[in-house]
């Protein structure tokens, strides 16, 4: 058994997948910021935009991880979704004063897990 591999869980694959997901998030947030700044889009689109970006990034990260693990797509995808949102929550707790876990955060956790599971199912069926 190689280092970092435990029953199909390879920390390096997960790390690469999560980093790719965060890079996609950053790129999409940059595009969104440019669109909001230089077009007629109002600030009222920010909540839906952040949700869409989060869903796309988690799905991409889950697909990447599952394509490389090649088994149990829904399980690995769901784990990627949970890890993605928990890292964001930890960063928010560390850097945002007064950050609190409320109903919206709990919904985002559930959405992240479901999105990861769907991304994992898509990834396992890709060839």
N, C-alpha and C. Protein backbone atom coordinates (compact mmCIF):
# COMPACT_ATOMS: atom_id res chain seq x y z
N UNK A 1 0.84 -1.17 0.00
CA UNK A 1 0.00 0.00 0.00
C UNK A 1 0.89 1.23 0.00
N UNK A 2 0.62 2.14 -0.95
CA UNK A 2 1.43 3.36 -1.05
C UNK A 2 0.99 4.36 0.01
N UNK A 3 1.89 5.29 0.29
CA UNK A 3 1.60 6.34 1.25
C UNK A 3 0.48 7.24 0.73
N UNK A 4 -0.50 7.55 1.57
CA UNK A 4 -1.59 8.44 1.17
C UNK A 4 -2.78 7.71 0.58
N UNK A 5 -2.69 6.39 0.42
CA UNK A 5 -3.79 5.63 -0.15
C UNK A 5 -4.35 4.72 0.94
N UNK A 6 -5.64 4.90 1.24
CA UNK A 6 -6.29 4.07 2.24
C UNK A 6 -7.65 3.65 1.70
N UNK A 7 -7.76 2.48 1.17
CA UNK A 7 -9.04 1.97 0.71
C UNK A 7 -9.67 2.82 -0.38
N UNK A 8 -8.90 3.31 -1.32
CA UNK A 8 -9.45 4.13 -2.40
C UNK A 8 -9.38 5.61 -2.12
N UNK A 9 -9.12 5.99 -0.89
CA UNK A 9 -9.00 7.41 -0.54
C UNK A 9 -7.56 7.83 -0.73
N UNK A 10 -7.32 8.61 -1.75
CA UNK A 10 -5.97 9.09 -2.03
C UNK A 10 -5.97 10.60 -1.77
N UNK A 11 -5.26 11.01 -0.74
CA UNK A 11 -5.28 12.40 -0.32
C UNK A 11 -4.75 13.32 -1.42
N UNK A 12 -3.84 12.83 -2.25
CA UNK A 12 -3.28 13.67 -3.32
C UNK A 12 -4.31 13.93 -4.40
N UNK A 13 -5.09 12.93 -4.73
CA UNK A 13 -6.14 13.12 -5.74
C UNK A 13 -7.19 14.09 -5.20
N UNK A 14 -7.57 13.91 -3.94
CA UNK A 14 -8.54 14.83 -3.33
C UNK A 14 -7.99 16.25 -3.28
N UNK A 15 -6.73 16.38 -2.91
CA UNK A 15 -6.11 17.70 -2.85
C UNK A 15 -6.08 18.38 -4.21
N UNK A 16 -5.70 17.61 -5.24
CA UNK A 16 -5.67 18.17 -6.59
C UNK A 16 -7.08 18.55 -7.05
N UNK A 17 -8.04 17.70 -6.76
CA UNK A 17 -9.42 17.99 -7.16
C UNK A 17 -9.96 19.23 -6.47
N UNK A 18 -9.71 19.34 -5.17
CA UNK A 18 -10.19 20.51 -4.43
C UNK A 18 -9.49 21.78 -4.90
N UNK A 19 -8.19 21.70 -5.16
CA UNK A 19 -7.48 22.88 -5.66
C UNK A 19 -8.02 23.30 -7.02
N UNK A 20 -8.27 22.33 -7.89
CA UNK A 20 -8.86 22.66 -9.19
C UNK A 20 -10.23 23.30 -9.02
N UNK A 21 -11.02 22.79 -8.08
CA UNK A 21 -12.33 23.38 -7.82
C UNK A 21 -12.22 24.82 -7.33
N UNK A 22 -11.26 25.08 -6.45
CA UNK A 22 -11.08 26.45 -5.95
C UNK A 22 -10.54 27.38 -7.04
N UNK A 23 -9.70 26.86 -7.92
CA UNK A 23 -9.21 27.68 -9.03
C UNK A 23 -10.35 28.03 -9.97
N UNK A 24 -11.22 27.07 -10.25
CA UNK A 24 -12.40 27.35 -11.07
C UNK A 24 -13.27 28.41 -10.39
N UNK A 25 -13.44 28.27 -9.08
CA UNK A 25 -14.22 29.26 -8.32
C UNK A 25 -13.63 30.66 -8.47
N UNK A 26 -12.33 30.77 -8.26
CA UNK A 26 -11.69 32.08 -8.36
C UNK A 26 -11.84 32.68 -9.75
N UNK A 27 -11.65 31.85 -10.78
CA UNK A 27 -11.79 32.35 -12.15
C UNK A 27 -13.22 32.81 -12.42
N UNK A 28 -14.20 32.03 -11.99
CA UNK A 28 -15.60 32.40 -12.21
C UNK A 28 -15.99 33.62 -11.39
N UNK A 29 -15.47 33.75 -10.17
CA UNK A 29 -15.75 34.94 -9.38
C UNK A 29 -15.15 36.19 -10.03
N UNK A 30 -13.98 36.05 -10.61
CA UNK A 30 -13.35 37.17 -11.31
C UNK A 30 -14.21 37.58 -12.51
N UNK A 31 -14.66 36.62 -13.28
CA UNK A 31 -15.54 36.92 -14.42
C UNK A 31 -16.84 37.57 -13.94
N UNK A 32 -17.40 37.03 -12.86
CA UNK A 32 -18.63 37.60 -12.31
C UNK A 32 -18.42 39.03 -11.83
N UNK A 33 -17.30 39.29 -11.18
CA UNK A 33 -17.01 40.64 -10.70
C UNK A 33 -16.87 41.62 -11.86
N UNK A 34 -16.22 41.17 -12.92
CA UNK A 34 -16.07 42.03 -14.10
C UNK A 34 -17.44 42.32 -14.71
N UNK A 35 -18.27 41.28 -14.81
CA UNK A 35 -19.61 41.47 -15.37
C UNK A 35 -20.46 42.43 -14.54
N UNK A 36 -20.41 42.28 -13.23
CA UNK A 36 -21.19 43.16 -12.36
C UNK A 36 -20.67 44.59 -12.42
N UNK A 37 -19.35 44.74 -12.51
CA UNK A 37 -18.76 46.07 -12.54
C UNK A 37 -19.03 46.81 -13.84
N UNK A 38 -18.89 46.13 -14.97
CA UNK A 38 -18.92 46.82 -16.25
C UNK A 38 -20.19 46.61 -17.07
N UNK A 39 -21.17 45.94 -16.53
CA UNK A 39 -22.45 45.78 -17.24
C UNK A 39 -23.57 46.31 -16.36
N UNK A 40 -24.76 46.16 -16.83
CA UNK A 40 -25.92 46.66 -16.09
C UNK A 40 -26.43 45.71 -15.02
N UNK A 41 -25.70 44.62 -14.79
CA UNK A 41 -26.13 43.68 -13.74
C UNK A 41 -26.05 44.36 -12.38
N UNK A 42 -27.09 44.17 -11.60
CA UNK A 42 -27.09 44.77 -10.27
C UNK A 42 -26.46 43.84 -9.24
N UNK A 43 -26.31 44.37 -8.06
CA UNK A 43 -25.72 43.58 -6.98
C UNK A 43 -26.67 42.51 -6.47
N UNK A 44 -27.92 42.57 -6.90
CA UNK A 44 -28.90 41.58 -6.44
C UNK A 44 -28.65 40.20 -7.05
N UNK A 45 -27.77 40.10 -8.06
CA UNK A 45 -27.46 38.80 -8.66
C UNK A 45 -26.33 38.08 -7.93
N UNK A 46 -25.70 38.72 -6.98
CA UNK A 46 -24.54 38.14 -6.29
C UNK A 46 -24.89 36.84 -5.55
N UNK A 47 -25.99 36.76 -4.79
CA UNK A 47 -26.28 35.49 -4.11
C UNK A 47 -26.48 34.31 -5.06
N UNK A 48 -27.23 34.51 -6.13
CA UNK A 48 -27.45 33.41 -7.08
C UNK A 48 -26.16 33.08 -7.83
N UNK A 49 -25.37 34.10 -8.12
CA UNK A 49 -24.09 33.89 -8.80
C UNK A 49 -23.14 33.06 -7.93
N UNK A 50 -23.08 33.37 -6.65
CA UNK A 50 -22.19 32.60 -5.76
C UNK A 50 -22.66 31.15 -5.65
N UNK A 51 -23.96 30.93 -5.62
CA UNK A 51 -24.48 29.56 -5.55
C UNK A 51 -24.14 28.78 -6.82
N UNK A 52 -24.32 29.41 -7.97
CA UNK A 52 -24.01 28.74 -9.24
C UNK A 52 -22.53 28.42 -9.33
N UNK A 53 -21.69 29.37 -8.94
CA UNK A 53 -20.24 29.15 -8.98
C UNK A 53 -19.84 28.01 -8.05
N UNK A 54 -20.43 27.97 -6.86
CA UNK A 54 -20.13 26.91 -5.91
C UNK A 54 -20.53 25.54 -6.48
N UNK A 55 -21.71 25.47 -7.09
CA UNK A 55 -22.19 24.21 -7.65
C UNK A 55 -21.29 23.74 -8.79
N UNK A 56 -20.94 24.64 -9.69
CA UNK A 56 -20.07 24.28 -10.82
C UNK A 56 -18.71 23.82 -10.32
N UNK A 57 -18.14 24.52 -9.36
CA UNK A 57 -16.81 24.18 -8.85
C UNK A 57 -16.79 22.84 -8.13
N UNK A 58 -17.81 22.59 -7.33
CA UNK A 58 -17.87 21.31 -6.61
C UNK A 58 -18.07 20.17 -7.59
N UNK A 59 -18.94 20.36 -8.57
CA UNK A 59 -19.17 19.31 -9.56
C UNK A 59 -17.88 19.01 -10.32
N UNK A 60 -17.16 20.05 -10.71
CA UNK A 60 -15.89 19.86 -11.42
C UNK A 60 -14.88 19.10 -10.56
N UNK A 61 -14.74 19.51 -9.29
CA UNK A 61 -13.80 18.84 -8.39
C UNK A 61 -14.20 17.39 -8.17
N UNK A 62 -15.49 17.13 -8.00
CA UNK A 62 -15.96 15.75 -7.78
C UNK A 62 -15.71 14.89 -9.01
N UNK A 63 -15.98 15.44 -10.19
CA UNK A 63 -15.73 14.69 -11.42
C UNK A 63 -14.25 14.35 -11.54
N UNK A 64 -13.39 15.32 -11.25
CA UNK A 64 -11.94 15.08 -11.33
C UNK A 64 -11.53 13.95 -10.38
N UNK A 65 -11.98 14.02 -9.14
CA UNK A 65 -11.58 13.01 -8.15
C UNK A 65 -12.09 11.63 -8.55
N UNK A 66 -13.34 11.55 -8.96
CA UNK A 66 -13.92 10.24 -9.26
C UNK A 66 -13.34 9.64 -10.53
N UNK A 67 -13.01 10.46 -11.51
CA UNK A 67 -12.37 9.94 -12.73
C UNK A 67 -11.04 9.29 -12.36
N UNK A 68 -10.36 9.83 -11.35
CA UNK A 68 -9.06 9.27 -10.97
C UNK A 68 -9.16 8.14 -9.95
N UNK A 69 -10.23 8.08 -9.16
CA UNK A 69 -10.37 6.97 -8.21
C UNK A 69 -11.07 5.78 -8.85
N UNK A 70 -11.94 6.02 -9.82
CA UNK A 70 -12.59 4.99 -10.63
C UNK A 70 -13.53 4.06 -9.87
N UNK A 71 -14.02 4.45 -8.70
CA UNK A 71 -14.99 3.62 -8.00
C UNK A 71 -15.75 4.45 -6.98
N UNK A 72 -16.93 3.97 -6.63
CA UNK A 72 -17.79 4.61 -5.64
C UNK A 72 -17.95 6.11 -5.89
N UNK A 73 -18.45 6.43 -7.08
CA UNK A 73 -18.54 7.83 -7.51
C UNK A 73 -19.35 8.69 -6.57
N UNK A 74 -20.51 8.22 -6.15
CA UNK A 74 -21.37 9.05 -5.29
C UNK A 74 -20.71 9.30 -3.94
N UNK A 75 -20.00 8.31 -3.43
CA UNK A 75 -19.36 8.45 -2.12
C UNK A 75 -18.19 9.43 -2.17
N UNK A 76 -17.30 9.25 -3.15
CA UNK A 76 -16.16 10.16 -3.28
C UNK A 76 -16.63 11.57 -3.64
N UNK A 77 -17.63 11.66 -4.51
CA UNK A 77 -18.17 12.97 -4.88
C UNK A 77 -18.78 13.70 -3.70
N UNK A 78 -19.57 12.97 -2.90
CA UNK A 78 -20.16 13.58 -1.71
C UNK A 78 -19.11 14.05 -0.72
N UNK A 79 -18.05 13.25 -0.58
CA UNK A 79 -16.96 13.64 0.32
C UNK A 79 -16.24 14.88 -0.18
N UNK A 80 -16.07 14.98 -1.50
CA UNK A 80 -15.45 16.18 -2.08
C UNK A 80 -16.32 17.40 -1.79
N UNK A 81 -17.64 17.26 -1.96
CA UNK A 81 -18.55 18.37 -1.67
C UNK A 81 -18.49 18.82 -0.22
N UNK A 82 -18.46 17.87 0.69
CA UNK A 82 -18.38 18.19 2.12
C UNK A 82 -17.05 18.86 2.44
N UNK A 83 -15.95 18.31 1.93
CA UNK A 83 -14.64 18.91 2.19
C UNK A 83 -14.55 20.32 1.63
N UNK A 84 -15.08 20.52 0.43
CA UNK A 84 -15.05 21.84 -0.22
C UNK A 84 -15.74 22.88 0.66
N UNK A 85 -16.94 22.58 1.12
CA UNK A 85 -17.69 23.58 1.89
C UNK A 85 -17.11 23.74 3.30
N UNK A 86 -16.60 22.66 3.91
CA UNK A 86 -16.03 22.80 5.24
C UNK A 86 -14.75 23.61 5.23
N UNK A 87 -13.96 23.48 4.17
CA UNK A 87 -12.76 24.33 4.06
C UNK A 87 -13.18 25.79 3.93
N UNK A 88 -14.22 26.06 3.13
CA UNK A 88 -14.71 27.43 3.02
C UNK A 88 -15.23 27.96 4.36
N UNK A 89 -15.92 27.12 5.10
CA UNK A 89 -16.44 27.53 6.41
C UNK A 89 -15.28 27.85 7.36
N UNK A 90 -14.25 27.00 7.36
CA UNK A 90 -13.09 27.25 8.23
C UNK A 90 -12.38 28.55 7.85
N UNK A 91 -12.23 28.78 6.55
CA UNK A 91 -11.61 30.03 6.11
C UNK A 91 -12.47 31.24 6.48
N UNK A 92 -13.77 31.09 6.35
CA UNK A 92 -14.67 32.19 6.73
C UNK A 92 -14.59 32.48 8.22
N UNK A 93 -14.56 31.41 9.04
CA UNK A 93 -14.45 31.60 10.49
C UNK A 93 -13.14 32.29 10.85
N UNK A 94 -12.07 31.97 10.10
CA UNK A 94 -10.76 32.53 10.41
C UNK A 94 -10.62 33.99 9.97
N UNK A 95 -11.22 34.35 8.84
CA UNK A 95 -10.95 35.67 8.27
C UNK A 95 -12.12 36.65 8.28
N UNK A 96 -13.33 36.18 8.55
CA UNK A 96 -14.49 37.08 8.55
C UNK A 96 -14.96 37.27 9.99
N UNK A 97 -14.91 38.50 10.44
CA UNK A 97 -15.34 38.78 11.81
C UNK A 97 -16.86 38.64 11.91
N UNK A 98 -17.29 38.00 12.93
CA UNK A 98 -18.72 37.84 13.15
C UNK A 98 -19.38 36.79 12.28
N UNK A 99 -18.60 35.92 11.65
CA UNK A 99 -19.18 34.86 10.81
C UNK A 99 -19.89 33.86 11.70
N UNK A 100 -21.13 33.58 11.34
CA UNK A 100 -21.93 32.64 12.14
C UNK A 100 -22.53 31.58 11.23
N UNK A 101 -22.67 30.39 11.77
CA UNK A 101 -23.36 29.33 11.04
C UNK A 101 -24.86 29.55 11.20
N UNK A 102 -25.52 29.81 10.09
CA UNK A 102 -26.96 30.01 10.13
C UNK A 102 -27.63 29.03 9.17
N UNK A 103 -28.91 29.22 8.96
CA UNK A 103 -29.69 28.32 8.12
C UNK A 103 -29.14 28.26 6.69
N UNK A 104 -28.69 29.39 6.15
CA UNK A 104 -28.16 29.43 4.79
C UNK A 104 -26.91 28.56 4.69
N UNK A 105 -26.06 28.58 5.67
CA UNK A 105 -24.84 27.77 5.65
C UNK A 105 -25.21 26.28 5.68
N UNK A 106 -26.20 25.92 6.48
CA UNK A 106 -26.62 24.52 6.53
C UNK A 106 -27.19 24.07 5.19
N UNK A 107 -27.94 24.95 4.54
CA UNK A 107 -28.45 24.63 3.20
C UNK A 107 -27.30 24.45 2.22
N UNK A 108 -26.30 25.29 2.31
CA UNK A 108 -25.15 25.18 1.41
C UNK A 108 -24.38 23.88 1.65
N UNK A 109 -24.32 23.43 2.89
CA UNK A 109 -23.66 22.15 3.18
C UNK A 109 -24.42 21.02 2.49
N UNK A 110 -25.73 21.03 2.61
CA UNK A 110 -26.54 19.99 1.97
C UNK A 110 -26.42 20.06 0.45
N UNK A 111 -26.49 21.28 -0.10
CA UNK A 111 -26.36 21.45 -1.55
C UNK A 111 -24.98 20.99 -2.01
N UNK A 112 -23.95 21.28 -1.25
CA UNK A 112 -22.59 20.86 -1.60
C UNK A 112 -22.47 19.35 -1.64
N UNK A 113 -23.04 18.68 -0.66
CA UNK A 113 -22.97 17.23 -0.61
C UNK A 113 -23.73 16.61 -1.79
N UNK A 114 -24.92 17.10 -2.06
CA UNK A 114 -25.72 16.58 -3.17
C UNK A 114 -25.04 16.85 -4.51
N UNK A 115 -24.50 18.06 -4.67
CA UNK A 115 -23.79 18.40 -5.90
C UNK A 115 -22.58 17.51 -6.09
N UNK A 116 -21.83 17.27 -5.03
CA UNK A 116 -20.68 16.38 -5.11
C UNK A 116 -21.08 14.97 -5.48
N UNK A 117 -22.18 14.49 -4.92
CA UNK A 117 -22.65 13.15 -5.24
C UNK A 117 -23.05 13.05 -6.71
N UNK A 118 -23.75 14.06 -7.21
CA UNK A 118 -24.14 14.07 -8.63
C UNK A 118 -22.90 14.15 -9.52
N UNK A 119 -21.96 15.02 -9.15
CA UNK A 119 -20.71 15.12 -9.90
C UNK A 119 -19.95 13.80 -9.89
N UNK A 120 -19.97 13.11 -8.76
CA UNK A 120 -19.33 11.81 -8.67
C UNK A 120 -19.99 10.77 -9.57
N UNK A 121 -21.32 10.81 -9.64
CA UNK A 121 -22.04 9.88 -10.52
C UNK A 121 -21.73 10.17 -11.99
N UNK A 122 -21.60 11.45 -12.31
CA UNK A 122 -21.23 11.82 -13.68
C UNK A 122 -19.80 11.36 -13.96
N UNK A 123 -18.90 11.59 -13.02
CA UNK A 123 -17.49 11.23 -13.20
C UNK A 123 -17.27 9.74 -13.36
N UNK A 124 -18.03 8.93 -12.63
CA UNK A 124 -17.83 7.48 -12.71
C UNK A 124 -18.29 6.95 -14.07
N UNK A 125 -19.20 7.66 -14.73
CA UNK A 125 -19.70 7.21 -16.02
C UNK A 125 -18.96 7.83 -17.20
N UNK A 126 -17.97 8.64 -16.94
CA UNK A 126 -17.15 9.21 -18.02
C UNK A 126 -16.04 8.23 -18.38
N UNK A 127 -15.71 8.19 -19.64
CA UNK A 127 -14.64 7.27 -20.06
C UNK A 127 -13.56 8.03 -20.76
